[in-house]
Amino acid sequence: MITMSLLRSRKKTMIVAVVAVIALLLIPSVTQSRYYVNLAVQCMIWALFAMSLDLLVGYLGHASFGHAAFLGVAGYAVAILNVTFKWDPLAAAGGALVAAFVLAMIFGAVVSHVTGIYYTIVNFALAQTMWGLAYQWYSLTGGDNGVRGVARPSIFGIASGGTNAFFYFVAVIFVVCTLLLLLVVSSPFGLTMRGIKQTQSRMRVLGYNVWLHKYIAYVIAGTFAGVAGIMQSYFDQFIGPGQVSMMTSAKVVLMVIVGGAGTLLGPLFGGVLVVIIQNAVSAFTDRWMMVLGVMYVIIVVFVPGGLMGLYRRIARRSAGPARIPVAASGPADGGVVGSPV
């Protein structure tokens, strides 16, 4: 019964994913508005960023308020390599991805030794160090002026500088990265992460190298966040200290909580929702962060588990009470109901 239920759940997830991808690719042809196409690009970038953080928050149970470090470092790397050192945009993207990977390896070696509140504090401190470098290292990063004029890449001779062309470029990257992340969390490695989240001591007793699994998960999360940072710099054609700030880290944590931590697809939808709300509210007031804060409180208090948790509760109620199979009773002299055969 459990196996069949799991298969049905995965089948439904795959159907929803296929429909979502088709709908995503049709956006430029459905709307002629550059605003909505650009909004869809922002949704994909931030959804990818949120899914990368979910590896740490949802699957390992470690709250990180320093994830913007990888987004910002990759964004700065692609901008500096392209604008300052005149690298080709694709070559600059490769260098930026390496920069995010190396930074994740360095930070992961530090934070994977600690747990609980110390994990959060160390991540926050390391991210603030990167923000300080971005703000103070004026000769390289431009300080609060940032780096402008980042060129978008051309692939197979097709320039992605236009709105629709760049949309499809980001869409391909987004779909590939989403599939890779789904592969990670559904693999034996992903199941081990869930076990570590539940009880680290038991996983150690069973012979798992807990530190190594936490370290690898951290590096993977940081690298995918770097991909989002590269796409963000391409989109804005600019990078500034705000990309590495605490506000950016807090915003992506909100996306994970809103969507539902530990589900991967939940943070995807959470990222889309937060970006849409931010764009809608910022048209009327500069205090959009206050609105997002109120939304966070409402989600935590009234919708525990986020959007995915709400969806699961509604699905269970609509399906009715679960039917538990009962084994046939033995003879009248003492069959045990539900006992294994």
Protein backbone atom coordinates (compact mmCIF):
# COMPACT_ATOMS: atom_id res chain seq x y z
CA MET A 1 0.00 0.00 0.00
CA ILE A 2 2.79 2.41 0.94
CA THR A 3 4.68 1.61 -2.25
CA MET A 4 1.61 2.16 -4.42
CA SER A 5 0.84 5.43 -2.62
CA LEU A 6 4.41 6.60 -3.15
CA LEU A 7 4.26 5.71 -6.85
CA ARG A 8 0.97 7.56 -7.29
CA SER A 9 2.43 10.60 -5.51
CA ARG A 10 5.50 10.61 -7.74
CA LYS A 11 3.34 10.18 -10.84
CA LYS A 12 1.23 13.18 -9.85
CA THR A 13 4.39 15.19 -9.15
CA MET A 14 5.82 14.34 -12.58
CA ILE A 15 2.56 15.29 -14.31
CA VAL A 16 2.47 18.63 -12.48
CA ALA A 17 6.14 19.21 -13.33
CA VAL A 18 5.60 18.50 -17.05
CA VAL A 19 2.54 20.77 -17.19
CA ALA A 20 4.47 23.50 -15.35
CA VAL A 21 7.41 23.28 -17.78
CA ILE A 22 5.09 23.47 -20.80
CA ALA A 23 3.26 26.46 -19.30
CA LEU A 24 6.60 28.09 -18.54
CA LEU A 25 7.86 27.76 -22.11
CA LEU A 26 4.62 29.22 -23.48
CA ILE A 27 4.85 32.45 -21.47
CA PRO A 28 6.60 34.57 -24.16
CA SER A 29 4.09 33.48 -26.81
CA VAL A 30 1.06 34.02 -24.54
CA THR A 31 2.01 37.52 -23.44
CA GLN A 32 3.68 40.23 -25.49
CA SER A 33 4.54 42.22 -22.36
CA ARG A 34 8.23 42.45 -21.54
CA TYR A 35 7.27 43.08 -17.92
CA TYR A 36 5.65 39.65 -17.46
CA VAL A 37 8.44 37.86 -19.33
CA ASN A 38 11.04 39.54 -17.11
CA LEU A 39 8.92 38.72 -14.05
CA ALA A 40 8.93 35.05 -15.07
CA VAL A 41 12.73 35.19 -15.38
CA GLN A 42 13.02 36.61 -11.85
CA CYS A 43 10.70 33.89 -10.56
CA MET A 44 12.89 31.16 -12.05
CA ILE A 45 16.11 32.65 -10.67
CA TRP A 46 14.79 33.06 -7.15
CA ALA A 47 13.02 29.69 -7.22
CA LEU A 48 16.34 28.03 -8.05
CA PHE A 49 18.00 29.99 -5.24
CA ALA A 50 15.30 28.87 -2.78
CA MET A 51 15.57 25.21 -3.85
CA SER A 52 19.33 25.28 -3.28
CA LEU A 53 18.79 26.56 0.28
CA ASP A 54 16.15 23.87 0.91
CA LEU A 55 18.91 21.25 0.80
CA LEU A 56 20.21 22.76 4.04
CA VAL A 57 17.02 23.97 5.72
CA GLY A 58 14.57 21.26 4.68
CA TYR A 59 16.68 18.15 4.21
CA LEU A 60 19.38 18.71 6.85
CA GLY A 61 17.39 20.88 9.26
CA HIS A 62 20.06 23.61 9.46
CA ALA A 63 18.86 27.21 9.27
CA SER A 64 21.26 29.30 7.21
CA PHE A 65 21.05 33.09 7.07
CA GLY A 66 24.18 33.39 4.97
CA HIS A 67 23.17 31.75 1.69
CA ALA A 68 23.39 35.07 -0.15
CA ALA A 69 27.18 34.77 0.02
CA PHE A 70 27.17 32.23 -2.83
CA LEU A 71 24.63 34.15 -4.89
CA GLY A 72 26.69 37.31 -4.51
CA VAL A 73 30.14 35.82 -5.04
CA ALA A 74 29.08 34.11 -8.27
CA GLY A 75 27.34 37.30 -9.41
CA TYR A 76 30.39 39.43 -8.67
CA ALA A 77 32.74 36.89 -10.28
CA VAL A 78 30.85 36.77 -13.59
CA ALA A 79 30.57 40.58 -13.61
CA ILE A 80 34.23 41.26 -12.80
CA LEU A 81 35.55 38.63 -15.20
CA ASN A 82 33.35 39.94 -18.02
CA VAL A 83 33.50 43.70 -17.45
CA THR A 84 36.94 44.22 -15.89
CA PHE A 85 38.95 41.39 -17.43
CA LYS A 86 36.96 41.22 -20.71
CA TRP A 87 36.23 37.50 -20.55
CA ASP A 88 33.61 36.01 -22.83
CA PRO A 89 30.26 35.84 -20.94
CA LEU A 90 30.15 32.04 -21.00
CA ALA A 91 33.78 31.74 -19.90
CA ALA A 92 33.05 34.25 -17.14
CA ALA A 93 30.07 32.11 -16.07
CA GLY A 94 32.33 29.07 -15.83
CA GLY A 95 34.81 31.00 -13.69
CA ALA A 96 31.98 32.28 -11.48
CA LEU A 97 30.65 28.76 -10.96
CA VAL A 98 34.11 27.63 -9.88
CA ALA A 99 34.28 30.60 -7.49
CA ALA A 100 30.96 29.62 -5.86
CA PHE A 101 32.07 25.99 -5.65
CA VAL A 102 35.40 26.86 -4.01
CA LEU A 103 33.76 29.28 -1.57
CA ALA A 104 31.23 26.58 -0.62
CA MET A 105 34.09 24.13 -0.03
CA ILE A 106 35.85 26.62 2.26
CA PHE A 107 32.75 27.69 4.19
CA GLY A 108 31.46 24.11 4.37
CA ALA A 109 34.66 22.94 6.03
CA VAL A 110 33.94 25.42 8.83
CA VAL A 111 30.18 25.25 9.34
CA SER A 112 29.74 21.48 8.93
CA HIS A 113 31.39 20.97 12.33
CA VAL A 114 28.71 22.91 14.20
CA THR A 115 24.98 22.49 14.72
CA GLY A 116 21.97 24.39 16.02
CA ILE A 117 22.22 28.10 16.66
CA TYR A 118 25.99 28.01 16.13
CA TYR A 119 25.43 26.85 12.54
CA THR A 120 23.22 29.87 11.92
CA ILE A 121 25.63 32.30 13.60
CA VAL A 122 28.73 31.05 11.76
CA ASN A 123 26.94 31.15 8.39
CA PHE A 124 25.72 34.67 9.11
CA ALA A 125 29.22 35.83 10.13
CA LEU A 126 30.84 34.39 7.01
CA ALA A 127 28.21 35.96 4.77
CA GLN A 128 28.65 39.35 6.44
CA THR A 129 32.39 39.07 5.76
CA MET A 130 31.64 38.68 2.06
CA TRP A 131 29.25 41.64 2.22
CA GLY A 132 31.98 43.73 3.84
CA LEU A 133 34.43 42.81 1.09
CA ALA A 134 31.88 43.68 -1.60
CA TYR A 135 31.20 47.04 0.03
CA GLN A 136 34.76 48.02 0.94
CA TRP A 137 36.93 46.56 -1.84
CA TYR A 138 36.15 49.49 -4.11
CA SER A 139 38.93 48.89 -6.66
CA LEU A 140 37.54 45.44 -7.53
CA THR A 141 33.83 45.51 -6.71
CA GLY A 142 33.04 49.18 -7.21
CA GLY A 143 31.80 49.50 -3.62
CA ASP A 144 28.22 50.68 -3.34
CA ASN A 145 28.28 51.59 -7.06
CA GLY A 146 28.68 47.92 -7.99
CA VAL A 147 29.73 46.60 -11.40
CA ARG A 148 27.68 47.60 -14.44
CA GLY A 149 27.53 46.49 -18.05
CA VAL A 150 27.52 42.70 -17.66
CA ALA A 151 27.08 41.15 -21.12
CA ARG A 152 24.65 38.31 -21.70
CA PRO A 153 26.05 35.22 -23.47
CA SER A 154 25.49 33.93 -26.98
CA ILE A 155 25.02 30.19 -27.50
CA PHE A 156 25.51 28.53 -30.89
CA GLY A 157 25.53 31.99 -32.41
CA ILE A 158 22.17 32.86 -30.86
CA ALA A 159 22.37 36.03 -28.77
CA SER A 160 20.42 35.96 -25.50
CA GLY A 161 20.41 39.72 -25.12
CA GLY A 162 16.76 40.06 -26.12
CA THR A 163 13.95 39.59 -23.62
CA ASN A 164 12.50 36.39 -25.09
CA ALA A 165 15.88 34.86 -25.97
CA PHE A 166 17.16 35.44 -22.43
CA PHE A 167 13.95 33.98 -21.03
CA TYR A 168 14.52 30.70 -22.88
CA PHE A 169 18.19 30.69 -21.87
CA VAL A 170 17.26 30.96 -18.17
CA ALA A 171 14.37 28.48 -18.60
CA VAL A 172 16.71 25.78 -19.91
CA ILE A 173 19.16 26.36 -17.04
CA PHE A 174 16.30 26.36 -14.54
CA VAL A 175 14.76 23.09 -15.79
CA VAL A 176 18.13 21.30 -15.87
CA CYS A 177 19.06 22.48 -12.36
CA THR A 178 15.62 21.53 -10.99
CA LEU A 179 15.94 18.00 -12.42
CA LEU A 180 19.44 17.68 -10.94
CA LEU A 181 18.23 18.80 -7.51
CA LEU A 182 15.29 16.36 -7.68
CA LEU A 183 17.79 13.63 -8.54
CA VAL A 184 19.91 14.56 -5.51
CA VAL A 185 17.07 14.52 -2.98
CA SER A 186 15.56 11.27 -4.34
CA SER A 187 18.90 9.45 -4.33
CA PRO A 188 20.32 7.39 -1.43
CA PHE A 189 22.33 10.51 -0.55
CA GLY A 190 19.10 12.48 -0.20
CA LEU A 191 17.58 9.78 2.02
CA THR A 192 20.70 9.91 4.19
CA MET A 193 20.27 13.66 4.57
CA ARG A 194 16.73 13.07 5.84
CA GLY A 195 18.08 10.55 8.33
CA ILE A 196 20.71 13.02 9.56
CA LYS A 197 18.00 15.63 10.05
CA GLN A 198 16.00 13.23 12.23
CA THR A 199 18.86 11.93 14.37
CA GLN A 200 22.56 12.41 13.74
CA SER A 201 23.66 10.07 16.53
CA ARG A 202 21.74 7.11 15.13
CA MET A 203 23.15 7.70 11.65
CA ARG A 204 26.67 7.68 13.12
CA VAL A 205 25.95 4.40 14.90
CA LEU A 206 24.74 2.95 11.60
CA GLY A 207 28.13 3.79 10.10
CA TYR A 208 27.34 6.93 8.08
CA ASN A 209 29.89 9.73 7.92
CA VAL A 210 27.59 12.53 9.08
CA TRP A 211 30.14 15.32 8.66
CA LEU A 212 30.97 14.30 5.10
CA HIS A 213 27.30 14.16 4.08
CA LYS A 214 26.65 17.59 5.61
CA TYR A 215 29.74 18.97 3.88
CA ILE A 216 28.80 17.59 0.45
CA ALA A 217 25.24 18.89 0.84
CA TYR A 218 26.60 22.33 1.72
CA VAL A 219 28.86 22.39 -1.35
CA ILE A 220 26.02 21.30 -3.63
CA ALA A 221 23.69 23.95 -2.18
CA GLY A 222 26.32 26.67 -2.55
CA THR A 223 27.09 25.71 -6.14
CA PHE A 224 23.44 25.81 -7.24
CA ALA A 225 23.06 29.15 -5.45
CA GLY A 226 26.01 30.30 -7.54
CA VAL A 227 24.12 29.35 -10.72
CA ALA A 228 21.25 31.57 -9.55
CA GLY A 229 23.74 34.38 -8.86
CA ILE A 230 25.14 34.15 -12.38
CA MET A 231 21.66 34.31 -13.89
CA GLN A 232 20.79 37.28 -11.67
CA SER A 233 23.85 39.24 -12.83
CA TYR A 234 22.99 38.46 -16.44
CA PHE A 235 19.40 39.57 -15.84
CA ASP A 236 20.25 42.88 -14.11
CA GLN A 237 23.47 43.34 -16.08
CA PHE A 238 24.65 44.75 -12.75
CA ILE A 239 25.81 43.49 -9.35
CA GLY A 240 25.97 45.43 -6.08
CA PRO A 241 26.49 44.76 -2.34
CA GLY A 242 22.75 44.25 -1.86
CA GLN A 243 23.10 40.90 -3.58
CA VAL A 244 25.25 39.67 -0.67
CA SER A 245 23.31 41.35 2.12
CA MET A 246 21.47 39.83 5.07
CA MET A 247 18.17 40.98 3.52
CA THR A 248 18.80 38.71 0.53
CA SER A 249 19.50 35.74 2.82
CA ALA A 250 16.38 36.46 4.87
CA LYS A 251 14.27 36.78 1.73
CA VAL A 252 15.27 33.35 0.44
CA VAL A 253 14.65 31.77 3.86
CA LEU A 254 11.14 33.25 3.69
CA MET A 255 10.65 31.60 0.28
CA VAL A 256 11.59 28.20 1.70
CA ILE A 257 9.27 28.58 4.72
CA VAL A 258 6.36 29.86 2.60
CA GLY A 259 6.67 27.00 0.11
CA GLY A 260 7.34 24.26 2.65
CA ALA A 261 10.81 23.18 3.74
CA GLY A 262 11.97 19.69 2.86
CA THR A 263 9.85 19.35 -0.27
CA LEU A 264 12.07 21.07 -2.89
CA LEU A 265 9.08 21.88 -5.09
CA GLY A 266 7.56 23.85 -2.19
CA PRO A 267 10.41 26.40 -2.16
CA LEU A 268 10.06 26.59 -5.95
CA PHE A 269 6.46 27.77 -5.59
CA GLY A 270 7.40 29.84 -2.53
CA GLY A 271 10.03 31.67 -4.57
CA VAL A 272 7.53 32.39 -7.33
CA LEU A 273 4.92 33.66 -4.85
CA VAL A 274 7.31 35.93 -2.95
CA VAL A 275 8.70 37.47 -6.15
CA ILE A 276 5.20 38.18 -7.46
CA ILE A 277 4.08 39.70 -4.15
CA GLN A 278 7.25 41.79 -3.91
CA ASN A 279 6.75 43.19 -7.41
CA ALA A 280 3.06 43.88 -6.78
CA VAL A 281 3.57 45.55 -3.38
CA SER A 282 6.67 47.55 -4.37
CA ALA A 283 4.55 49.32 -6.99
CA PHE A 284 2.65 50.99 -4.13
CA THR A 285 5.19 51.23 -1.29
CA ASP A 286 8.89 50.87 -0.55
CA ARG A 287 8.06 48.94 2.63
CA TRP A 288 7.49 45.65 0.84
CA MET A 289 9.77 43.84 3.31
CA MET A 290 7.27 44.62 6.07
CA VAL A 291 4.53 42.97 4.01
CA LEU A 292 6.71 39.91 3.49
CA GLY A 293 7.42 39.82 7.23
CA VAL A 294 3.69 39.80 8.00
CA MET A 295 3.21 37.03 5.44
CA TYR A 296 5.96 35.02 7.14
CA VAL A 297 4.23 35.30 10.52
CA ILE A 298 0.89 34.26 9.03
CA ILE A 299 2.44 31.22 7.31
CA VAL A 300 4.27 30.07 10.46
CA VAL A 301 1.25 30.50 12.75
CA PHE A 302 -1.67 29.48 10.53
CA VAL A 303 -0.13 27.39 7.73
CA PRO A 304 2.61 25.22 9.27
CA GLY A 305 4.40 23.33 6.55
CA GLY A 306 3.87 26.11 4.01
CA LEU A 307 2.06 25.76 0.71
CA MET A 308 3.03 22.11 0.27
CA GLY A 309 1.88 21.27 3.78
CA LEU A 310 -1.47 22.94 3.08
CA TYR A 311 -1.80 21.05 -0.20
CA ARG A 312 -1.12 17.72 1.51
CA ARG A 313 -3.68 18.37 4.23
CA ILE A 314 -6.33 19.27 1.65
CA ALA A 315 -5.45 16.16 -0.39
CA ARG A 316 -5.77 13.92 2.66
CA ARG A 317 -9.16 15.38 3.59
CA SER A 318 -10.50 15.03 0.05
CA ALA A 319 -9.28 11.42 -0.08
CA GLY A 320 -11.23 10.56 3.08
CA PRO A 321 -10.05 8.40 5.97
CA ALA A 322 -7.21 6.03 5.23
CA ARG A 323 -8.14 2.40 4.85
CA ILE A 324 -5.81 0.11 6.77
CA PRO A 325 -5.63 -3.43 5.40
CA VAL A 326 -6.37 -6.07 8.04
CA ALA A 327 -4.99 -9.57 7.82
CA ALA A 328 -7.50 -12.38 7.96
CA SER A 329 -8.14 -13.61 11.50
CA GLY A 330 -7.10 -17.07 12.49
CA PRO A 331 -9.39 -19.65 14.01
CA ALA A 332 -11.76 -18.69 16.77
CA ASP A 333 -9.25 -19.88 19.35
CA GLY A 334 -6.95 -16.92 18.93
CA GLY A 335 -6.28 -15.18 15.64
CA VAL A 336 -4.52 -11.81 16.10
CA VAL A 337 -6.04 -9.02 14.02
CA GLY A 338 -3.45 -7.34 11.80
CA SER A 339 -0.60 -9.65 12.76
CA PRO A 340 1.96 -10.47 10.06
CA VAL A 341 1.49 -13.72 8.24
